[in-house]
Amino acid sequence: MSIRNLSGGSSLMKPSPARVELTFNEHSEYLHARISAPFIDSATGMWYLGEIFLECANRRKKKLLLERDIPCMMPQDELVSTMDHLVSMQLDTRIAFLNPHAAVADELKQIIKYGSEQGAKFKYFEAFEEAEQWLLHDGE
């Protein structure tokens, strides 16, 4: 795994046959994490979530803009299990999920709604500005 600085942020590469890139940019009130990969599986999902929440803890951020540049979803049973794990780890972190892929929008909205119903402060967005505004304001 390599770490390098990118204009004030950092980037991590997961060693695997598929290219997975995770970048971070710190803003005054939140952390912006961007995951980019051609596909997702449970192991990759758990890896990048672990890296992201370690970075949130290190930077003492309770607000996260998670940009998910992955054009597919993992199988439903793995998705629910991963969301359950995410909710158990991050009840105090407000997370705006940013998705640029229309093909996975409905499924991603459903799993984020499921996480919210478990008590998490999660919300789905397709526009960066809307996601950022939600993070910066206390209202829903």
N, C-alpha and C. Protein backbone atom coordinates (compact mmCIF):
# COMPACT_ATOMS: atom_id res chain seq x y z
N MET A 1 0.86 -1.17 0.00
CA MET A 1 0.00 0.00 0.00
C MET A 1 0.90 1.22 0.00
N SER A 2 0.63 2.16 -0.88
CA SER A 2 1.44 3.38 -0.91
C SER A 2 0.60 4.58 -0.51
N ILE A 3 1.27 5.55 0.08
CA ILE A 3 0.61 6.79 0.48
C ILE A 3 1.37 7.92 -0.17
N ARG A 4 0.66 8.87 -0.78
CA ARG A 4 1.30 10.05 -1.35
C ARG A 4 0.38 11.24 -1.18
N ASN A 5 0.96 12.40 -1.15
CA ASN A 5 0.17 13.62 -0.99
C ASN A 5 -0.32 14.11 -2.35
N LEU A 6 -1.55 14.54 -2.40
CA LEU A 6 -2.14 15.12 -3.61
C LEU A 6 -2.82 16.42 -3.22
N SER A 7 -2.20 17.52 -3.49
CA SER A 7 -2.76 18.85 -3.23
C SER A 7 -3.48 18.94 -1.88
N GLY A 8 -2.77 18.64 -0.84
CA GLY A 8 -3.35 18.76 0.49
C GLY A 8 -4.07 17.52 0.97
N GLY A 9 -4.25 16.55 0.11
CA GLY A 9 -4.93 15.32 0.49
C GLY A 9 -3.94 14.17 0.47
N SER A 10 -4.45 12.98 0.58
CA SER A 10 -3.60 11.80 0.49
C SER A 10 -4.34 10.75 -0.32
N SER A 11 -3.58 9.79 -0.82
CA SER A 11 -4.16 8.75 -1.67
C SER A 11 -3.61 7.40 -1.23
N LEU A 12 -4.47 6.40 -1.19
CA LEU A 12 -4.06 5.05 -0.87
C LEU A 12 -4.44 4.14 -2.02
N MET A 13 -3.57 3.18 -2.32
CA MET A 13 -3.86 2.21 -3.36
C MET A 13 -3.92 0.84 -2.69
N LYS A 14 -4.99 0.12 -2.92
CA LYS A 14 -5.13 -1.22 -2.36
C LYS A 14 -4.41 -2.20 -3.28
N PRO A 15 -3.52 -3.03 -2.73
CA PRO A 15 -2.85 -4.00 -3.59
C PRO A 15 -3.83 -5.08 -4.02
N SER A 16 -4.14 -5.13 -5.30
CA SER A 16 -5.04 -6.14 -5.83
C SER A 16 -4.95 -6.10 -7.35
N PRO A 17 -5.47 -7.13 -8.01
CA PRO A 17 -5.44 -7.11 -9.47
C PRO A 17 -6.27 -5.95 -10.05
N ALA A 18 -7.30 -5.55 -9.36
CA ALA A 18 -8.15 -4.45 -9.84
C ALA A 18 -7.62 -3.14 -9.28
N ARG A 19 -7.75 -2.09 -10.03
CA ARG A 19 -7.29 -0.77 -9.57
C ARG A 19 -8.34 -0.17 -8.64
N VAL A 20 -7.94 0.06 -7.40
CA VAL A 20 -8.79 0.68 -6.40
C VAL A 20 -8.02 1.88 -5.87
N GLU A 21 -8.62 3.05 -5.95
CA GLU A 21 -7.95 4.24 -5.45
C GLU A 21 -8.83 4.94 -4.43
N LEU A 22 -8.22 5.32 -3.33
CA LEU A 22 -8.90 6.01 -2.25
C LEU A 22 -8.15 7.31 -1.99
N THR A 23 -8.85 8.44 -2.12
CA THR A 23 -8.21 9.74 -1.89
C THR A 23 -8.96 10.49 -0.79
N PHE A 24 -8.23 11.34 -0.09
CA PHE A 24 -8.79 12.13 1.00
C PHE A 24 -8.46 13.60 0.79
N ASN A 25 -9.43 14.44 1.10
CA ASN A 25 -9.21 15.88 1.18
C ASN A 25 -9.92 16.37 2.42
N GLU A 26 -9.18 17.07 3.26
CA GLU A 26 -9.75 17.58 4.50
C GLU A 26 -10.27 19.00 4.30
N HIS A 27 -11.50 19.21 4.72
CA HIS A 27 -12.12 20.53 4.74
C HIS A 27 -12.26 20.92 6.21
N SER A 28 -12.53 22.16 6.46
CA SER A 28 -12.55 22.62 7.86
C SER A 28 -13.55 21.85 8.72
N GLU A 29 -14.70 21.48 8.15
CA GLU A 29 -15.73 20.82 8.96
C GLU A 29 -15.97 19.35 8.62
N TYR A 30 -15.37 18.85 7.55
CA TYR A 30 -15.61 17.46 7.17
C TYR A 30 -14.43 16.89 6.40
N LEU A 31 -14.44 15.57 6.25
CA LEU A 31 -13.46 14.87 5.43
C LEU A 31 -14.16 14.42 4.15
N HIS A 32 -13.52 14.65 3.02
CA HIS A 32 -14.02 14.18 1.73
C HIS A 32 -13.16 12.98 1.33
N ALA A 33 -13.79 11.81 1.26
CA ALA A 33 -13.12 10.59 0.83
C ALA A 33 -13.72 10.17 -0.50
N ARG A 34 -12.85 9.81 -1.46
CA ARG A 34 -13.32 9.37 -2.77
C ARG A 34 -12.73 8.00 -3.06
N ILE A 35 -13.62 7.02 -3.25
CA ILE A 35 -13.20 5.67 -3.62
C ILE A 35 -13.54 5.47 -5.09
N SER A 36 -12.57 4.99 -5.84
CA SER A 36 -12.76 4.73 -7.26
C SER A 36 -12.29 3.31 -7.56
N ALA A 37 -13.18 2.52 -8.18
CA ALA A 37 -12.85 1.13 -8.49
C ALA A 37 -13.76 0.65 -9.61
N PRO A 38 -13.31 -0.33 -10.41
CA PRO A 38 -14.17 -0.85 -11.48
C PRO A 38 -15.26 -1.79 -10.97
N PHE A 39 -15.06 -2.38 -9.78
CA PHE A 39 -16.06 -3.25 -9.18
C PHE A 39 -15.85 -3.25 -7.67
N ILE A 40 -16.81 -3.85 -6.95
CA ILE A 40 -16.74 -3.89 -5.48
C ILE A 40 -17.12 -5.28 -4.99
N ASP A 41 -16.40 -5.74 -3.99
CA ASP A 41 -16.77 -6.96 -3.28
C ASP A 41 -16.68 -6.66 -1.79
N SER A 42 -17.07 -7.61 -0.97
CA SER A 42 -17.12 -7.39 0.47
C SER A 42 -15.75 -7.05 1.04
N ALA A 43 -14.72 -7.76 0.62
CA ALA A 43 -13.37 -7.51 1.15
C ALA A 43 -12.90 -6.11 0.80
N THR A 44 -13.13 -5.69 -0.43
CA THR A 44 -12.73 -4.34 -0.85
C THR A 44 -13.54 -3.30 -0.09
N GLY A 45 -14.83 -3.53 0.07
CA GLY A 45 -15.68 -2.60 0.81
C GLY A 45 -15.22 -2.44 2.25
N MET A 46 -14.92 -3.53 2.90
CA MET A 46 -14.47 -3.46 4.29
C MET A 46 -13.10 -2.79 4.39
N TRP A 47 -12.23 -3.05 3.40
CA TRP A 47 -10.91 -2.41 3.39
C TRP A 47 -11.06 -0.89 3.31
N TYR A 48 -11.82 -0.43 2.31
CA TYR A 48 -11.88 1.03 2.15
C TYR A 48 -12.65 1.70 3.28
N LEU A 49 -13.68 1.07 3.81
CA LEU A 49 -14.38 1.67 4.95
C LEU A 49 -13.46 1.77 6.17
N GLY A 50 -12.67 0.74 6.41
CA GLY A 50 -11.72 0.78 7.51
C GLY A 50 -10.72 1.92 7.36
N GLU A 51 -10.19 2.07 6.16
CA GLU A 51 -9.23 3.15 5.89
C GLU A 51 -9.88 4.52 6.07
N ILE A 52 -11.10 4.67 5.59
CA ILE A 52 -11.80 5.95 5.70
C ILE A 52 -12.06 6.30 7.16
N PHE A 53 -12.53 5.36 7.96
CA PHE A 53 -12.86 5.69 9.34
C PHE A 53 -11.62 5.86 10.21
N LEU A 54 -10.53 5.22 9.83
CA LEU A 54 -9.26 5.49 10.50
C LEU A 54 -8.83 6.93 10.21
N GLU A 55 -8.98 7.36 8.97
CA GLU A 55 -8.64 8.73 8.59
C GLU A 55 -9.55 9.73 9.31
N CYS A 56 -10.84 9.44 9.40
CA CYS A 56 -11.77 10.31 10.15
C CYS A 56 -11.32 10.43 11.60
N ALA A 57 -10.96 9.32 12.21
CA ALA A 57 -10.53 9.33 13.61
C ALA A 57 -9.23 10.12 13.76
N ASN A 58 -8.27 9.88 12.88
CA ASN A 58 -6.99 10.59 12.95
C ASN A 58 -7.16 12.10 12.80
N ARG A 59 -8.11 12.51 11.98
CA ARG A 59 -8.33 13.94 11.74
C ARG A 59 -9.45 14.51 12.62
N ARG A 60 -10.03 13.66 13.47
CA ARG A 60 -11.09 14.06 14.40
C ARG A 60 -12.28 14.70 13.67
N LYS A 61 -12.75 14.01 12.63
CA LYS A 61 -13.89 14.49 11.86
C LYS A 61 -15.09 13.60 12.11
N LYS A 62 -16.24 14.22 12.36
CA LYS A 62 -17.50 13.51 12.58
C LYS A 62 -18.46 13.72 11.41
N LYS A 63 -17.95 14.34 10.35
CA LYS A 63 -18.73 14.54 9.12
C LYS A 63 -17.89 14.04 7.96
N LEU A 64 -18.53 13.24 7.09
CA LEU A 64 -17.82 12.61 5.98
C LEU A 64 -18.63 12.76 4.70
N LEU A 65 -17.97 13.23 3.66
CA LEU A 65 -18.55 13.20 2.32
C LEU A 65 -17.87 12.03 1.62
N LEU A 66 -18.61 10.95 1.41
CA LEU A 66 -18.08 9.72 0.83
C LEU A 66 -18.51 9.64 -0.62
N GLU A 67 -17.58 9.94 -1.51
CA GLU A 67 -17.84 9.89 -2.95
C GLU A 67 -17.51 8.49 -3.44
N ARG A 68 -18.52 7.81 -3.95
CA ARG A 68 -18.40 6.40 -4.32
C ARG A 68 -18.42 6.27 -5.84
N ASP A 69 -17.23 6.29 -6.44
CA ASP A 69 -17.11 6.18 -7.90
C ASP A 69 -16.89 4.71 -8.27
N ILE A 70 -17.94 3.93 -8.07
CA ILE A 70 -17.93 2.49 -8.36
C ILE A 70 -19.22 2.20 -9.13
N PRO A 71 -19.11 1.72 -10.38
CA PRO A 71 -20.29 1.58 -11.23
C PRO A 71 -21.18 0.37 -10.95
N CYS A 72 -20.92 -0.37 -9.88
CA CYS A 72 -21.72 -1.56 -9.58
C CYS A 72 -21.87 -1.69 -8.06
N MET A 73 -22.68 -2.65 -7.66
CA MET A 73 -22.92 -2.92 -6.24
C MET A 73 -22.49 -4.35 -5.94
N MET A 74 -22.18 -4.62 -4.67
CA MET A 74 -21.88 -5.99 -4.26
C MET A 74 -23.20 -6.76 -4.11
N PRO A 75 -23.15 -8.09 -4.02
CA PRO A 75 -24.38 -8.87 -3.84
C PRO A 75 -25.17 -8.40 -2.61
N GLN A 76 -26.49 -8.54 -2.67
CA GLN A 76 -27.40 -8.00 -1.64
C GLN A 76 -27.05 -8.46 -0.23
N ASP A 77 -26.75 -9.74 -0.04
CA ASP A 77 -26.44 -10.22 1.31
C ASP A 77 -25.16 -9.58 1.85
N GLU A 78 -24.16 -9.41 1.00
CA GLU A 78 -22.92 -8.74 1.41
C GLU A 78 -23.17 -7.26 1.66
N LEU A 79 -24.04 -6.67 0.86
CA LEU A 79 -24.36 -5.24 1.00
C LEU A 79 -25.02 -4.96 2.35
N VAL A 80 -25.99 -5.77 2.72
CA VAL A 80 -26.68 -5.60 4.01
C VAL A 80 -25.71 -5.83 5.17
N SER A 81 -24.90 -6.86 5.07
CA SER A 81 -23.92 -7.15 6.12
C SER A 81 -22.92 -6.01 6.28
N THR A 82 -22.46 -5.47 5.15
CA THR A 82 -21.52 -4.34 5.19
C THR A 82 -22.18 -3.11 5.79
N MET A 83 -23.43 -2.84 5.43
CA MET A 83 -24.13 -1.68 5.99
C MET A 83 -24.35 -1.86 7.49
N ASP A 84 -24.72 -3.07 7.92
CA ASP A 84 -24.88 -3.32 9.35
C ASP A 84 -23.57 -3.02 10.10
N HIS A 85 -22.46 -3.45 9.53
CA HIS A 85 -21.16 -3.19 10.14
C HIS A 85 -20.85 -1.69 10.15
N LEU A 86 -21.14 -1.03 9.06
CA LEU A 86 -20.92 0.42 8.96
C LEU A 86 -21.74 1.17 10.01
N VAL A 87 -23.00 0.81 10.15
CA VAL A 87 -23.87 1.46 11.14
C VAL A 87 -23.32 1.23 12.55
N SER A 88 -22.88 0.03 12.84
CA SER A 88 -22.38 -0.26 14.19
C SER A 88 -21.10 0.51 14.50
N MET A 89 -20.31 0.82 13.48
CA MET A 89 -19.06 1.56 13.69
C MET A 89 -19.27 3.07 13.72
N GLN A 90 -20.28 3.58 13.03
CA GLN A 90 -20.32 5.02 12.76
C GLN A 90 -21.62 5.71 13.12
N LEU A 91 -22.25 5.36 14.22
CA LEU A 91 -23.50 6.01 14.60
C LEU A 91 -23.34 7.51 14.84
N ASP A 92 -22.15 7.94 15.25
CA ASP A 92 -21.94 9.36 15.55
C ASP A 92 -21.43 10.17 14.36
N THR A 93 -21.16 9.52 13.24
CA THR A 93 -20.62 10.22 12.08
C THR A 93 -21.72 10.49 11.07
N ARG A 94 -21.83 11.73 10.67
CA ARG A 94 -22.79 12.15 9.64
C ARG A 94 -22.14 11.87 8.29
N ILE A 95 -22.77 11.04 7.45
CA ILE A 95 -22.17 10.65 6.17
C ILE A 95 -23.09 11.01 5.01
N ALA A 96 -22.55 11.81 4.10
CA ALA A 96 -23.22 12.12 2.83
C ALA A 96 -22.60 11.22 1.78
N PHE A 97 -23.40 10.32 1.22
CA PHE A 97 -22.93 9.42 0.17
C PHE A 97 -23.17 10.09 -1.18
N LEU A 98 -22.11 10.30 -1.95
CA LEU A 98 -22.19 10.94 -3.25
C LEU A 98 -21.98 9.89 -4.33
N ASN A 99 -22.96 9.76 -5.23
CA ASN A 99 -22.93 8.72 -6.26
C ASN A 99 -23.07 9.32 -7.65
N PRO A 100 -22.08 9.14 -8.54
CA PRO A 100 -22.20 9.63 -9.91
C PRO A 100 -22.76 8.61 -10.90
N HIS A 101 -23.12 7.41 -10.44
CA HIS A 101 -23.53 6.33 -11.34
C HIS A 101 -25.03 6.05 -11.25
N ALA A 102 -25.76 6.46 -12.28
CA ALA A 102 -27.22 6.28 -12.31
C ALA A 102 -27.62 4.81 -12.25
N ALA A 103 -26.81 3.93 -12.79
CA ALA A 103 -27.15 2.51 -12.85
C ALA A 103 -27.30 1.87 -11.46
N VAL A 104 -26.65 2.43 -10.46
CA VAL A 104 -26.74 1.86 -9.11
C VAL A 104 -27.51 2.76 -8.14
N ALA A 105 -28.09 3.83 -8.65
CA ALA A 105 -28.74 4.83 -7.78
C ALA A 105 -29.83 4.23 -6.91
N ASP A 106 -30.75 3.49 -7.49
CA ASP A 106 -31.88 2.96 -6.70
C ASP A 106 -31.41 2.01 -5.60
N GLU A 107 -30.51 1.11 -5.94
CA GLU A 107 -30.03 0.15 -4.95
C GLU A 107 -29.23 0.85 -3.85
N LEU A 108 -28.42 1.83 -4.23
CA LEU A 108 -27.64 2.56 -3.24
C LEU A 108 -28.54 3.39 -2.33
N LYS A 109 -29.57 4.02 -2.91
CA LYS A 109 -30.53 4.79 -2.09
C LYS A 109 -31.20 3.88 -1.07
N GLN A 110 -31.59 2.68 -1.49
CA GLN A 110 -32.27 1.74 -0.60
C GLN A 110 -31.38 1.31 0.56
N ILE A 111 -30.11 1.01 0.28
CA ILE A 111 -29.24 0.54 1.37
C ILE A 111 -28.88 1.69 2.31
N ILE A 112 -28.77 2.90 1.79
CA ILE A 112 -28.51 4.06 2.65
C ILE A 112 -29.73 4.35 3.52
N LYS A 113 -30.92 4.22 2.95
CA LYS A 113 -32.15 4.38 3.73
C LYS A 113 -32.21 3.32 4.83
N TYR A 114 -31.85 2.10 4.50
CA TYR A 114 -31.80 1.03 5.50
C TYR A 114 -30.87 1.41 6.65
N GLY A 115 -29.68 1.91 6.33
CA GLY A 115 -28.74 2.34 7.37
C GLY A 115 -29.31 3.46 8.22
N SER A 116 -29.99 4.40 7.59
CA SER A 116 -30.61 5.51 8.32
C SER A 116 -31.69 5.01 9.27
N GLU A 117 -32.45 4.02 8.82
CA GLU A 117 -33.51 3.45 9.66
C GLU A 117 -32.94 2.71 10.87
N GLN A 118 -31.66 2.35 10.81
CA GLN A 118 -31.00 1.69 11.94
C GLN A 118 -30.43 2.72 12.92
N GLY A 119 -30.64 4.00 12.64
CA GLY A 119 -30.19 5.05 13.55
C GLY A 119 -29.00 5.86 13.07
N ALA A 120 -28.46 5.52 11.91
CA ALA A 120 -27.30 6.24 11.39
C ALA A 120 -27.72 7.56 10.74
N LYS A 121 -26.78 8.50 10.69
CA LYS A 121 -27.02 9.80 10.05
C LYS A 121 -26.43 9.76 8.65
N PHE A 122 -27.10 9.05 7.74
CA PHE A 122 -26.64 8.85 6.37
C PHE A 122 -27.66 9.45 5.41
N LYS A 123 -27.17 9.98 4.28
CA LYS A 123 -28.07 10.48 3.24
C LYS A 123 -27.40 10.34 1.88
N TYR A 124 -28.22 10.07 0.87
CA TYR A 124 -27.77 9.86 -0.51
C TYR A 124 -27.82 11.17 -1.30
N PHE A 125 -26.80 11.40 -2.14
CA PHE A 125 -26.76 12.58 -3.01
C PHE A 125 -26.16 12.24 -4.36
N GLU A 126 -26.57 13.02 -5.36
CA GLU A 126 -25.98 12.91 -6.69
C GLU A 126 -25.21 14.18 -7.06
N ALA A 127 -25.34 15.24 -6.27
CA ALA A 127 -24.65 16.50 -6.53
C ALA A 127 -23.76 16.86 -5.34
N PHE A 128 -22.51 17.19 -5.63
CA PHE A 128 -21.54 17.52 -4.58
C PHE A 128 -22.03 18.66 -3.71
N GLU A 129 -22.53 19.72 -4.33
CA GLU A 129 -22.95 20.91 -3.58
C GLU A 129 -24.05 20.59 -2.58
N GLU A 130 -25.01 19.76 -2.97
CA GLU A 130 -26.10 19.38 -2.07
C GLU A 130 -25.57 18.53 -0.91
N ALA A 131 -24.65 17.63 -1.21
CA ALA A 131 -24.07 16.79 -0.16
C ALA A 131 -23.31 17.65 0.85
N GLU A 132 -22.54 18.58 0.34
CA GLU A 132 -21.77 19.46 1.22
C GLU A 132 -22.68 20.33 2.08
N GLN A 133 -23.73 20.87 1.48
CA GLN A 133 -24.67 21.70 2.25
C GLN A 133 -25.32 20.90 3.37
N TRP A 134 -25.71 19.68 3.09
CA TRP A 134 -26.33 18.83 4.12
C TRP A 134 -25.36 18.58 5.27
N LEU A 135 -24.10 18.33 4.93
CA LEU A 135 -23.10 18.10 5.98
C LEU A 135 -22.88 19.33 6.85
N LEU A 136 -22.90 20.50 6.23
CA LEU A 136 -22.57 21.73 6.93
C LEU A 136 -23.72 22.29 7.75
N HIS A 137 -24.93 21.80 7.50
CA HIS A 137 -26.11 22.29 8.24
C HIS A 137 -26.69 21.17 9.08
N ASP A 138 -27.19 21.50 10.23
CA ASP A 138 -27.73 20.49 11.14
C ASP A 138 -29.07 19.93 10.71
N GLY A 139 -29.83 20.68 9.93
CA GLY A 139 -31.16 20.24 9.51
C GLY A 139 -31.09 19.14 8.49
N GLU A 140 -32.18 18.43 8.33
CA GLU A 140 -32.26 17.36 7.33
C GLU A 140 -32.61 17.97 6.00
